[in-house]
Amino acid sequence: MLRQLPKVTRSSLGGIQTSTKIIGQRFSSSSSRNLNSTSYQKTAFVIAVTAAAGIALTYRSFLPYVRADDSDALSSRTDKYPGIKQPSGQKLISYEEVQKHTKKDDCWVIVDGNIYDVTDFLDQHPGGAEIILANAGKDATKIFKPLHPPDALDTLDPSQHIGPVDPTTMPEINDEPTEEELRVEEARKSLPPVDAMLLVNDFEDWAEKVLSGTAWNYYKSAADREITAGENQDAFKRYYFRPRILRDATNGSINTEFVGMKTDLPVFISPAAMAKLGHPLGEVNLTKGAGRCGIVQGISINASCSLDEIMQAREKGQQVMFQIYLNKDRKASEALLHKVTELGASAIIFTVDTAWRSKRTRDVRAKAAIAPPPSSDGQEKSKAPLGVSQAISGYQDTNLTWNDIGFIRKHTNLPIIVKGIQSMEDAELCAEHGVQGIILSNHGGRQCDFAPAPIDLLYEMRINKPELFQKLDVMMDGGVRSGADVVKALALGAKAVGLGRSFLYANGTHGEEGVVRLCQILAEEITNTMRNIGANDIKDLKPELVGPAGPWVYGNAPPWGRK
């Protein structure tokens, strides 16, 4: 029987309330989701501007935790700076002193009342040194904290933690809303309640209106002229069903399993970065929504929440996959693989379709629209690539080979899923290398313009290499915008289908409740489509139920459509 998905009740954006019953259990919304609308918008806007400016930090939350809590050592380091020494021996450093450290060879910032020396980190910052220098000698909490996980500063050496700033010397903060904040806030007033969303595309349509320009352009962006991004969706229109009739449609199920993971829908959340651009709770909303709906989440290595936060947000027994881009520093990748394995991930997604950087045009233009901070006198202008996507990916290794599958297997016992397959030949090689699953994907059209649409590649494999479906689990993502799209892919042999942008849009418009509502829409459409083509259960979906649009005659007929 179809699992009863959570019920989302009508409410205002300011305080989404839920009452859900899932398999006999009752859930109430957490108070953390009851966000004030104005506060929500200011936070979301700050996150977006921060990302646009390229301040995103590639963090290593898997490294040993470091604290600068040796009071004697701290005191000796701060004695030379002017300030007030407390009875405890701790020294409060004046804001006037912080303002003196604004150069490339001497750079301090304040985050959460603490002063950090980030001089040695400038050249390592994926977003370039310029944005840090623009905030040098200032309180950077507002633009740093929302976009970074809470452990982002833990990797700094204790010597780089200068100490607390004297709060009595801090200037007043101008908190007047900007024009963009006011625009977003006004748009939010017209946002319909979550249960008024009836189609997957409804979330995208409203996300364009209520998200900041930077957030929208990062989520929507694709490579160059965005031909492949559009083709991913249009390609589904080339495949139509051949419904069978007079089959009892009274009972059925859309439960299934892929790579050993059980799911209540044949859908998973594709790894997608920077969920905090759309909502202050970020990926935690995706995790909680996935848990409530019984689907599997793919966690992005570039998530804006820490891995610990995301894993702790799971329900008991909730399964997740972890996406990895291999680091130029392979020791870092080794440590990360060990950590996600110990934390209880169910599979590793090895993303391979980002071999080289791409120009994600909307994302680049969104950053260019914001005047870059002026370079300091005598300092070289930042050479950092433009856009959020490139600002968060500077650590990724471009030297990837088939041997790296063995490297991953050496450091984890989890099933390996290779994501980014764009040819039958590489699908065959994956099978030869013993991976448990593949995801046909072109990164949502964000890497190589004119890469093939995944649904076309799936059909190509079904026609020319049907034996591959017996050797490994085949999944796909890219262009899926309805339950009917999901059913087409399943009938052609996919075990499950991923959606990335759509979940980011739903999170951006309605938070966790949007994630749940998106699952409800997909469950309804998948069930309706299956029953109306004569398939009650996932196992009933066969290639004979779908094929090219138009009459199945001559060259347009698939093998199963010929007499």
Protein backbone atom coordinates (compact mmCIF):
# COMPACT_ATOMS: atom_id res chain seq x y z
CA MET A 1 0.00 0.00 0.00
CA LEU A 2 1.06 3.58 -0.58
CA ARG A 3 2.75 5.08 2.44
CA GLN A 4 0.78 7.94 3.95
CA LEU A 5 3.04 10.95 3.51
CA PRO A 6 3.06 13.76 6.06
CA LYS A 7 0.18 16.18 5.96
CA VAL A 8 1.11 19.82 5.59
CA THR A 9 -1.48 22.22 6.95
CA ARG A 10 -2.20 25.76 5.80
CA SER A 11 -0.28 28.43 7.58
CA SER A 12 1.44 31.71 7.05
CA LEU A 13 5.09 31.85 6.12
CA GLY A 14 5.93 33.38 9.45
CA GLY A 15 5.12 30.21 11.35
CA ILE A 16 4.55 27.04 9.40
CA GLN A 17 2.80 24.57 11.67
CA THR A 18 2.49 20.90 10.87
CA SER A 19 0.66 17.98 12.25
CA THR A 20 1.78 14.77 10.63
CA LYS A 21 1.01 11.15 11.10
CA ILE A 22 3.40 8.67 9.57
CA ILE A 23 2.85 4.97 10.17
CA GLY A 24 1.15 5.52 13.51
CA GLN A 25 3.54 8.21 14.76
CA ARG A 26 2.56 11.82 15.29
CA PHE A 27 4.89 14.70 14.64
CA SER A 28 4.69 18.41 15.46
CA SER A 29 6.76 21.13 13.88
CA SER A 30 9.87 22.23 15.70
CA SER A 31 9.95 25.70 17.09
CA SER A 32 13.10 26.24 15.08
CA ARG A 33 10.98 26.29 11.95
CA ASN A 34 8.78 29.11 13.21
CA LEU A 35 10.91 31.87 11.74
CA ASN A 36 9.91 35.50 11.74
CA SER A 37 9.40 36.56 8.13
CA THR A 38 11.51 39.69 8.28
CA SER A 39 14.32 37.95 10.14
CA TYR A 40 14.13 35.06 7.68
CA GLN A 41 14.48 37.37 4.71
CA LYS A 42 17.38 39.34 6.17
CA THR A 43 19.24 36.14 6.95
CA ALA A 44 18.58 34.67 3.51
CA PHE A 45 19.67 37.87 1.82
CA VAL A 46 22.88 38.06 3.82
CA ILE A 47 23.66 34.49 2.84
CA ALA A 48 23.06 35.25 -0.81
CA VAL A 49 25.20 38.38 -0.87
CA THR A 50 27.94 36.57 1.01
CA ALA A 51 27.96 33.80 -1.57
CA ALA A 52 27.85 36.28 -4.42
CA ALA A 53 30.92 37.95 -3.04
CA GLY A 54 32.71 34.61 -2.95
CA ILE A 55 33.30 34.35 0.78
CA ALA A 56 32.26 30.69 0.88
CA LEU A 57 34.84 28.72 2.83
CA THR A 58 35.90 25.22 1.88
CA TYR A 59 35.94 23.70 5.31
CA ARG A 60 37.28 20.45 6.68
CA SER A 61 35.01 19.53 9.54
CA PHE A 62 36.58 16.07 9.60
CA LEU A 63 39.92 17.41 10.85
CA PRO A 64 40.79 17.28 14.56
CA TYR A 65 38.89 19.81 16.62
CA VAL A 66 41.14 22.65 17.80
CA ARG A 67 40.40 25.09 20.63
CA ALA A 68 42.47 28.02 21.81
CA ASP A 69 41.59 27.59 25.46
CA ASP A 70 45.01 27.77 27.07
CA SER A 71 44.57 30.98 29.05
CA ASP A 72 48.29 31.47 29.75
CA ALA A 73 49.24 31.11 26.10
CA LEU A 74 46.37 33.35 25.06
CA SER A 75 47.34 35.97 27.60
CA SER A 76 50.95 36.06 26.45
CA ARG A 77 49.86 36.51 22.84
CA THR A 78 47.54 39.40 23.62
CA ASP A 79 49.67 41.30 26.15
CA LYS A 80 51.19 43.46 23.43
CA TYR A 81 47.79 44.68 22.23
CA PRO A 82 45.88 47.53 23.91
CA GLY A 83 42.74 46.55 25.77
CA ILE A 84 41.24 45.66 29.12
CA LYS A 85 42.55 42.73 31.14
CA GLN A 86 39.82 40.92 33.08
CA PRO A 87 40.31 39.39 36.55
CA SER A 88 40.39 35.96 34.89
CA GLY A 89 43.50 36.99 33.00
CA GLN A 90 41.69 37.17 29.66
CA LYS A 91 42.31 40.33 27.71
CA LEU A 92 39.61 42.15 25.73
CA ILE A 93 41.22 43.76 22.68
CA SER A 94 39.88 47.08 21.50
CA TYR A 95 38.13 47.44 18.17
CA GLU A 96 40.55 50.27 17.37
CA GLU A 97 43.39 47.75 17.46
CA VAL A 98 41.51 45.35 15.16
CA GLN A 99 41.12 48.13 12.60
CA LYS A 100 44.90 48.35 12.24
CA HIS A 101 45.16 44.84 10.74
CA THR A 102 43.73 45.26 7.25
CA LYS A 103 46.58 44.36 4.90
CA LYS A 104 47.41 41.24 2.97
CA ASP A 105 50.40 40.55 5.24
CA ASP A 106 48.43 41.33 8.41
CA CYS A 107 44.71 40.58 8.25
CA TRP A 108 42.27 40.21 11.15
CA VAL A 109 38.50 39.70 11.18
CA ILE A 110 35.92 39.44 13.95
CA VAL A 111 33.44 36.58 14.01
CA ASP A 112 31.02 36.11 16.89
CA GLY A 113 32.94 38.48 19.12
CA ASN A 114 36.27 36.71 18.61
CA ILE A 115 39.24 38.02 16.64
CA TYR A 116 40.96 35.77 14.11
CA ASP A 117 44.20 36.28 12.22
CA VAL A 118 43.41 35.01 8.71
CA THR A 119 46.58 36.24 7.04
CA ASP A 120 47.85 32.76 6.21
CA PHE A 121 44.46 31.72 4.86
CA LEU A 122 44.07 34.51 2.29
CA ASP A 123 45.77 32.69 -0.58
CA GLN A 124 43.85 29.48 0.19
CA HIS A 125 40.40 31.05 0.19
CA PRO A 126 38.42 29.61 -2.74
CA GLY A 127 36.58 32.91 -3.18
CA GLY A 128 39.81 34.87 -3.40
CA ALA A 129 41.62 37.05 -0.90
CA GLU A 130 39.91 40.25 -1.98
CA ILE A 131 36.59 39.63 -0.27
CA ILE A 132 38.29 38.86 3.03
CA LEU A 133 40.44 41.97 2.74
CA ALA A 134 37.31 44.02 2.09
CA ASN A 135 36.11 42.94 5.54
CA ALA A 136 39.48 43.06 7.27
CA GLY A 137 39.53 44.91 10.56
CA LYS A 138 35.75 44.63 10.83
CA ASP A 139 33.04 42.46 12.31
CA ALA A 140 32.40 39.89 9.55
CA THR A 141 29.87 37.82 11.53
CA LYS A 142 26.86 38.93 9.48
CA ILE A 143 28.34 37.82 6.17
CA PHE A 144 30.34 34.86 7.44
CA LYS A 145 28.19 32.96 9.90
CA PRO A 146 24.99 32.29 7.90
CA LEU A 147 26.81 30.57 5.05
CA HIS A 148 29.27 28.49 7.03
CA PRO A 149 28.84 25.46 9.27
CA PRO A 150 29.49 26.09 12.96
CA ASP A 151 32.81 24.23 12.87
CA ALA A 152 34.23 26.17 9.92
CA LEU A 153 36.81 28.01 12.06
CA ASP A 154 37.90 24.96 14.02
CA THR A 155 40.66 24.18 11.54
CA LEU A 156 42.55 27.39 12.31
CA ASP A 157 45.67 27.04 14.40
CA PRO A 158 45.27 28.18 18.04
CA SER A 159 47.79 30.94 17.39
CA GLN A 160 45.37 32.41 14.85
CA HIS A 161 42.70 32.89 17.51
CA ILE A 162 43.76 36.29 18.84
CA GLY A 163 41.07 36.56 21.51
CA PRO A 164 37.79 38.35 22.27
CA VAL A 165 37.08 41.90 21.17
CA ASP A 166 36.07 44.48 23.77
CA PRO A 167 32.32 44.86 23.10
CA THR A 168 32.25 48.35 24.61
CA THR A 169 34.49 49.61 21.81
CA MET A 170 32.42 48.19 18.94
CA PRO A 171 30.59 50.66 16.68
CA GLU A 172 26.82 50.60 16.24
CA ILE A 173 25.58 48.44 13.40
CA ASN A 174 23.35 49.91 10.70
CA ASP A 175 20.64 47.29 10.20
CA GLU A 176 18.46 49.15 7.71
CA PRO A 177 16.95 46.80 5.08
CA THR A 178 18.38 47.06 1.58
CA GLU A 179 16.36 47.45 -1.59
CA GLU A 180 16.82 43.77 -2.37
CA GLU A 181 15.69 42.76 1.12
CA LEU A 182 12.57 44.88 0.73
CA ARG A 183 11.83 43.35 -2.68
CA VAL A 184 12.11 39.81 -1.35
CA GLU A 185 10.05 40.63 1.73
CA GLU A 186 7.30 42.11 -0.42
CA ALA A 187 7.30 39.06 -2.72
CA ARG A 188 6.99 36.76 0.31
CA LYS A 189 3.72 38.43 1.23
CA SER A 190 2.14 36.96 -1.91
CA LEU A 191 3.64 33.49 -1.48
CA PRO A 192 0.81 30.91 -1.37
CA PRO A 193 0.70 28.39 1.49
CA VAL A 194 2.62 25.23 0.86
CA ASP A 195 -0.42 23.05 0.20
CA ALA A 196 -1.40 25.37 -2.68
CA MET A 197 1.62 24.02 -4.58
CA LEU A 198 0.19 21.47 -7.01
CA LEU A 199 3.02 20.88 -9.47
CA VAL A 200 6.75 20.46 -9.12
CA ASN A 201 7.25 23.55 -11.26
CA ASP A 202 5.16 25.65 -8.87
CA PHE A 203 8.10 25.73 -6.46
CA GLU A 204 10.44 26.88 -9.21
CA ASP A 205 8.06 29.60 -10.36
CA TRP A 206 7.75 31.01 -6.85
CA ALA A 207 11.43 30.58 -6.04
CA GLU A 208 12.27 32.98 -8.85
CA LYS A 209 10.05 35.57 -7.18
CA VAL A 210 10.95 35.16 -3.51
CA LEU A 211 14.62 34.21 -3.52
CA SER A 212 17.38 36.78 -3.72
CA GLY A 213 18.76 37.32 -7.18
CA THR A 214 22.02 35.66 -6.24
CA ALA A 215 20.35 32.59 -4.76
CA TRP A 216 18.07 32.19 -7.77
CA ASN A 217 20.90 32.59 -10.26
CA TYR A 218 23.12 30.11 -8.44
CA TYR A 219 20.38 27.47 -8.30
CA LYS A 220 19.17 28.04 -11.86
CA SER A 221 22.57 28.50 -13.47
CA ALA A 222 23.91 26.13 -16.09
CA ALA A 223 26.84 25.99 -18.47
CA ASP A 224 27.33 28.57 -21.22
CA ARG A 225 24.07 29.00 -23.23
CA GLU A 226 22.22 26.49 -21.01
CA ILE A 227 21.23 24.29 -23.97
CA THR A 228 21.71 21.03 -22.07
CA ALA A 229 19.83 22.30 -19.00
CA GLY A 230 16.78 22.97 -21.17
CA GLU A 231 17.20 19.78 -23.17
CA ASN A 232 17.21 17.68 -20.00
CA GLN A 233 13.58 18.67 -19.48
CA ASP A 234 12.51 18.79 -23.13
CA ALA A 235 13.84 15.29 -23.79
CA PHE A 236 11.14 13.75 -21.60
CA LYS A 237 8.56 15.06 -24.10
CA ARG A 238 9.98 12.66 -26.68
CA TYR A 239 8.74 9.64 -24.72
CA TYR A 240 5.11 8.65 -24.38
CA PHE A 241 3.32 5.83 -22.60
CA ARG A 242 1.49 2.88 -24.12
CA PRO A 243 -1.09 2.28 -21.35
CA ARG A 244 -2.52 -1.20 -20.80
CA ILE A 245 -6.12 -1.55 -19.69
CA LEU A 246 -8.42 -3.86 -17.75
CA ARG A 247 -5.94 -4.45 -14.97
CA ASP A 248 -7.12 -4.24 -11.37
CA ALA A 249 -5.79 -0.91 -10.09
CA THR A 250 -7.24 -1.17 -6.58
CA ASN A 251 -4.02 -1.91 -4.73
CA GLY A 252 -0.39 -1.17 -5.33
CA SER A 253 2.84 0.26 -3.98
CA ILE A 254 5.52 2.72 -5.01
CA ASN A 255 8.02 1.45 -2.45
CA THR A 256 11.29 0.27 -3.93
CA GLU A 257 14.99 -0.26 -3.26
CA PHE A 258 18.23 0.78 -4.92
CA VAL A 259 21.82 -0.11 -4.01
CA GLY A 260 20.48 -1.83 -0.89
CA MET A 261 18.59 1.25 0.34
CA LYS A 262 14.85 1.01 0.86
CA THR A 263 12.72 4.02 -0.05
CA ASP A 264 9.02 4.84 0.12
CA LEU A 265 9.23 6.67 -3.20
CA PRO A 266 11.36 5.82 -6.25
CA VAL A 267 12.92 9.26 -5.82
CA PHE A 268 16.04 10.55 -4.06
CA ILE A 269 17.45 14.00 -3.34
CA SER A 270 20.42 14.55 -5.61
CA PRO A 271 23.42 16.14 -3.91
CA ALA A 272 23.01 19.91 -4.24
CA ALA A 273 25.11 22.54 -2.52
CA MET A 274 24.28 25.72 -0.62
CA ALA A 275 20.76 25.05 0.64
CA LYS A 276 21.24 27.95 3.07
CA LEU A 277 21.06 30.33 0.13
CA GLY A 278 17.34 29.62 0.14
CA HIS A 279 16.62 29.03 3.84
CA PRO A 280 18.63 29.66 7.03
CA LEU A 281 18.33 26.03 8.13
CA GLY A 282 19.81 24.81 4.85
CA GLU A 283 20.42 21.11 4.29
CA VAL A 284 18.95 20.22 7.66
CA ASN A 285 15.53 20.95 6.12
CA LEU A 286 16.28 18.49 3.32
CA THR A 287 17.33 15.84 5.82
CA LYS A 288 14.27 16.24 8.02
CA GLY A 289 11.90 16.37 5.06
CA ALA A 290 13.47 13.28 3.53
CA GLY A 291 13.17 11.45 6.85
CA ARG A 292 9.50 12.31 7.21
CA CYS A 293 8.78 11.08 3.68
CA GLY A 294 10.96 7.97 3.77
CA ILE A 295 13.26 8.88 0.89
CA VAL A 296 17.06 8.86 0.60
CA GLN A 297 19.02 12.11 0.62
CA GLY A 298 22.28 12.62 -1.21
CA ILE A 299 24.41 14.93 0.94
CA SER A 300 26.58 17.39 -0.96
CA ILE A 301 30.20 17.65 0.08
CA ASN A 302 29.74 21.41 -0.43
CA ALA A 303 26.73 21.59 1.90
CA SER A 304 26.29 24.84 3.80
CA CYS A 305 25.56 22.88 7.01
CA SER A 306 28.20 20.74 8.66
CA LEU A 307 28.19 17.00 8.15
CA ASP A 308 27.60 16.50 11.88
CA GLU A 309 24.56 18.80 11.81
CA ILE A 310 23.05 16.93 8.88
CA MET A 311 23.68 13.47 10.28
CA GLN A 312 22.27 14.44 13.67
CA ALA A 313 19.07 15.69 12.00
CA ARG A 314 18.22 12.20 10.71
CA GLU A 315 15.42 10.10 12.08
CA LYS A 316 16.32 6.74 13.54
CA GLY A 317 17.33 4.40 10.74
CA GLN A 318 17.18 7.11 8.08
CA GLN A 319 19.51 6.33 5.18
CA VAL A 320 21.64 8.92 3.40
CA MET A 321 24.27 8.88 0.68
CA PHE A 322 27.35 11.08 0.80
CA GLN A 323 28.73 12.72 -2.31
CA ILE A 324 32.48 13.10 -2.63
CA TYR A 325 34.65 15.14 -4.93
CA LEU A 326 38.20 13.92 -4.48
CA ASN A 327 40.45 16.52 -2.90
CA LYS A 328 43.81 17.56 -4.33
CA ASP A 329 45.01 16.56 -0.87
CA ARG A 330 44.09 12.88 -0.90
CA LYS A 331 44.75 12.58 2.82
CA ALA A 332 41.79 14.91 3.33
CA SER A 333 39.62 12.63 1.19
CA GLU A 334 40.78 9.60 3.15
CA ALA A 335 39.81 11.24 6.44
CA LEU A 336 36.44 12.30 5.07
CA LEU A 337 35.63 8.82 3.74
CA HIS A 338 36.43 7.33 7.13
CA LYS A 339 34.28 9.91 8.88
CA VAL A 340 31.15 9.46 6.75
CA THR A 341 31.49 5.71 7.07
CA GLU A 342 31.68 5.95 10.86
CA LEU A 343 28.73 8.37 10.96
CA GLY A 344 26.52 5.82 9.24
CA ALA A 345 26.11 6.85 5.62
CA SER A 346 24.67 4.08 3.44
CA ALA A 347 26.56 4.76 0.19
CA ILE A 348 29.23 6.94 -1.39
CA ILE A 349 28.38 8.95 -4.49
CA PHE A 350 31.56 9.55 -6.49
CA THR A 351 30.79 12.54 -8.71
CA VAL A 352 32.86 12.43 -11.91
CA ASP A 353 31.22 14.88 -14.32
CA THR A 354 33.09 17.97 -13.11
CA ALA A 355 36.48 17.12 -14.53
CA TRP A 356 37.13 20.78 -15.32
CA ARG A 357 35.61 24.12 -14.40
CA SER A 358 32.65 25.47 -16.35
CA LYS A 359 31.19 28.90 -16.90
CA ARG A 360 27.81 28.91 -15.19
CA THR A 361 26.63 32.04 -16.88
CA ARG A 362 23.82 33.22 -14.61
CA ASP A 363 25.94 32.64 -11.53
CA VAL A 364 28.84 34.61 -12.98
CA ARG A 365 26.61 37.50 -14.03
CA ALA A 366 24.96 37.61 -10.61
CA LYS A 367 28.33 38.16 -8.99
CA ALA A 368 29.44 40.65 -11.62
CA ALA A 369 26.28 42.68 -10.95
CA ILE A 370 27.52 43.32 -7.42
CA ALA A 371 30.37 45.83 -7.47
CA PRO A 372 33.53 43.97 -6.37
CA PRO A 373 35.37 45.42 -3.40
CA PRO A 374 38.27 47.65 -4.42
CA SER A 375 41.73 46.18 -4.21
CA SER A 376 43.94 47.51 -1.48
CA ASP A 377 46.75 49.78 -2.58
CA GLY A 378 49.65 47.86 -4.00
CA GLN A 379 47.82 44.52 -3.83
CA GLU A 380 47.22 42.21 -6.74
CA LYS A 381 43.60 41.91 -7.77
CA SER A 382 41.98 38.60 -6.90
CA LYS A 383 42.33 35.94 -9.56
CA ALA A 384 39.54 33.88 -8.07
CA PRO A 385 37.00 32.62 -10.62
CA LEU A 386 33.63 34.32 -10.59
CA GLY A 387 30.44 32.82 -9.22
CA VAL A 388 29.32 30.88 -6.17
CA SER A 389 29.88 27.50 -7.79
CA GLN A 390 33.57 28.13 -8.44
CA ALA A 391 34.08 29.88 -5.12
CA ILE A 392 33.21 26.67 -3.25
CA SER A 393 35.06 24.16 -5.41
CA GLY A 394 38.69 25.23 -5.38
CA TYR A 395 39.83 22.08 -3.54
CA GLN A 396 38.54 19.65 -6.18
CA ASP A 397 41.09 17.53 -8.02
CA THR A 398 41.03 17.53 -11.81
CA ASN A 399 43.38 14.55 -11.97
CA LEU A 400 40.74 11.81 -11.78
CA THR A 401 41.16 8.34 -13.28
CA TRP A 402 39.47 4.94 -13.07
CA ASN A 403 42.01 4.02 -10.39
CA ASP A 404 40.24 6.42 -8.04
CA ILE A 405 37.39 3.95 -7.64
CA GLY A 406 39.91 1.63 -6.02
CA PHE A 407 41.15 4.50 -3.85
CA ILE A 408 37.64 5.10 -2.53
CA ARG A 409 37.04 1.38 -1.99
CA LYS A 410 40.26 1.18 0.02
CA HIS A 411 38.96 3.72 2.54
CA THR A 412 35.32 2.68 2.93
CA ASN A 413 33.26 -0.48 2.86
CA LEU A 414 30.17 1.37 1.65
CA PRO A 415 28.62 0.75 -1.78
CA ILE A 416 30.00 3.07 -4.46
CA ILE A 417 27.72 4.90 -6.87
CA VAL A 418 29.40 6.74 -9.75
CA LYS A 419 27.48 9.88 -10.66
CA GLY A 420 27.91 11.67 -13.96
CA ILE A 421 27.79 8.85 -16.52
CA GLN A 422 27.18 10.32 -20.00
CA SER A 423 27.97 7.40 -22.31
CA MET A 424 27.23 3.68 -22.55
CA GLU A 425 30.95 2.96 -22.76
CA ASP A 426 31.59 4.47 -19.34
CA ALA A 427 28.59 2.65 -17.92
CA GLU A 428 30.21 -0.60 -19.07
CA LEU A 429 33.53 0.40 -17.50
CA CYS A 430 31.77 1.09 -14.21
CA ALA A 431 30.38 -2.43 -14.27
CA GLU A 432 33.86 -3.79 -15.00
CA HIS A 433 35.26 -1.87 -12.03
CA GLY A 434 32.68 -3.43 -9.74
CA VAL A 435 30.74 -0.37 -8.58
CA GLN A 436 27.29 -1.07 -7.19
CA GLY A 437 25.45 1.69 -9.01
CA ILE A 438 25.64 4.53 -11.52
CA ILE A 439 23.70 7.75 -11.94
CA LEU A 440 23.22 8.90 -15.51
CA SER A 441 23.68 12.65 -15.17
CA ASN A 442 25.24 15.69 -16.79
CA HIS A 443 25.28 17.69 -13.54
CA GLY A 444 21.99 19.35 -14.40
CA GLY A 445 23.54 20.85 -17.51
CA ARG A 446 25.96 22.80 -15.34
CA GLN A 447 29.22 21.41 -16.78
CA CYS A 448 29.29 20.56 -20.48
CA ASP A 449 26.79 22.27 -22.73
CA PHE A 450 25.40 19.82 -25.34
CA ALA A 451 25.97 16.77 -23.15
CA PRO A 452 23.21 14.19 -23.76
CA ALA A 453 19.98 14.28 -21.79
CA PRO A 454 20.02 11.45 -19.20
CA ILE A 455 16.61 10.10 -20.28
CA ASP A 456 17.97 9.73 -23.85
CA LEU A 457 21.04 7.91 -22.56
CA LEU A 458 18.81 5.64 -20.49
CA TYR A 459 16.75 4.77 -23.59
CA GLU A 460 19.97 4.23 -25.57
CA MET A 461 21.22 1.79 -22.93
CA ARG A 462 17.91 -0.05 -22.84
CA ILE A 463 18.05 -0.56 -26.62
CA ASN A 464 21.76 -1.28 -27.11
CA LYS A 465 23.06 -2.60 -23.78
CA PRO A 466 20.13 -4.09 -21.84
CA GLU A 467 22.49 -6.48 -20.05
CA LEU A 468 23.99 -3.57 -18.09
CA PHE A 469 20.81 -3.29 -16.03
CA GLN A 470 21.58 -6.74 -14.61
CA LYS A 471 25.16 -5.86 -13.67
CA LEU A 472 24.56 -2.73 -11.57
CA ASP A 473 21.78 -0.48 -10.36
CA VAL A 474 21.10 2.32 -12.80
CA MET A 475 19.71 5.63 -11.57
CA MET A 476 19.37 8.98 -13.32
CA ASP A 477 18.80 12.66 -12.60
CA GLY A 478 18.38 15.75 -14.72
CA GLY A 479 15.25 17.40 -16.10
CA VAL A 480 12.74 15.53 -13.92
CA ARG A 481 9.75 17.79 -13.29
CA SER A 482 6.83 15.44 -12.71
CA GLY A 483 5.80 12.03 -11.49
CA ALA A 484 5.22 11.02 -15.11
CA ASP A 485 8.89 11.77 -15.83
CA VAL A 486 9.86 9.48 -12.96
CA VAL A 487 7.65 6.67 -14.26
CA LYS A 488 9.12 6.91 -17.77
CA ALA A 489 12.63 6.48 -16.36
CA LEU A 490 11.58 3.58 -14.14
CA ALA A 491 9.92 1.78 -17.04
CA LEU A 492 13.12 2.07 -19.07
CA GLY A 493 15.12 0.46 -16.27
CA ALA A 494 16.10 3.12 -13.74
CA LYS A 495 15.92 1.93 -10.12
CA ALA A 496 15.27 5.44 -8.81
CA VAL A 497 15.30 9.02 -10.04
CA GLY A 498 17.00 12.04 -8.48
CA LEU A 499 15.89 15.65 -8.22
CA GLY A 500 18.22 18.43 -7.09
CA ARG A 501 17.09 21.92 -8.05
CA SER A 502 13.43 21.19 -7.31
CA PHE A 503 14.24 20.34 -3.69
CA LEU A 504 16.35 23.49 -3.38
CA TYR A 505 13.45 25.56 -4.72
CA ALA A 506 10.98 23.92 -2.33
CA ASN A 507 13.34 24.52 0.57
CA GLY A 508 13.79 28.13 -0.53
CA THR A 509 10.08 28.86 -0.67
CA HIS A 510 8.68 26.86 2.27
CA GLY A 511 11.59 25.22 4.09
CA GLU A 512 11.13 21.71 5.45
CA GLU A 513 7.42 21.82 4.67
CA GLY A 514 8.24 22.54 1.04
CA VAL A 515 10.44 19.44 0.90
CA VAL A 516 7.60 17.34 2.28
CA ARG A 517 5.04 18.89 -0.08
CA LEU A 518 7.28 18.19 -3.08
CA CYS A 519 7.41 14.52 -2.06
CA GLN A 520 3.62 14.48 -1.75
CA ILE A 521 3.20 15.88 -5.26
CA LEU A 522 5.59 13.32 -6.71
CA ALA A 523 3.97 10.44 -4.81
CA GLU A 524 0.54 11.43 -6.09
CA GLU A 525 1.66 11.82 -9.69
CA ILE A 526 3.75 8.63 -9.70
CA THR A 527 0.84 6.62 -8.28
CA ASN A 528 -1.70 8.13 -10.68
CA THR A 529 0.51 7.58 -13.71
CA MET A 530 1.37 4.01 -12.81
CA ARG A 531 -2.21 2.94 -12.17
CA ASN A 532 -3.39 4.59 -15.38
CA ILE A 533 -0.86 2.76 -17.55
CA GLY A 534 -1.58 -0.62 -15.94
CA ALA A 535 1.24 -0.89 -13.39
CA ASN A 536 0.30 -1.26 -9.73
CA ASP A 537 3.79 -1.87 -8.35
CA ILE A 538 7.27 -0.72 -9.36
CA LYS A 539 8.06 -4.25 -10.56
CA ASP A 540 5.21 -3.96 -13.08
CA LEU A 541 6.95 -1.15 -14.94
CA LYS A 542 8.44 -2.56 -18.16
CA PRO A 543 9.95 -0.99 -21.29
CA GLU A 544 6.84 -2.07 -23.21
CA LEU A 545 4.90 0.66 -21.42
CA VAL A 546 6.92 3.55 -22.84
CA GLY A 547 8.73 4.54 -26.01
CA PRO A 548 9.32 7.31 -28.54
CA ALA A 549 6.56 9.82 -29.21
CA GLY A 550 4.62 9.28 -32.41
CA PRO A 551 3.55 6.04 -34.09
CA TRP A 552 5.68 2.99 -33.42
CA VAL A 553 6.35 2.18 -37.05
CA TYR A 554 9.47 1.73 -39.10
CA GLY A 555 12.51 3.42 -37.55
CA ASN A 556 10.50 5.04 -34.75
CA ALA A 557 9.49 1.72 -33.25
CA PRO A 558 11.50 0.36 -30.32
CA PRO A 559 12.38 -3.34 -30.39
CA TRP A 560 9.43 -4.16 -28.12
CA GLY A 561 7.08 -2.25 -30.45
CA ARG A 562 7.86 -4.23 -33.58
CA LYS A 563 6.02 -7.31 -34.76
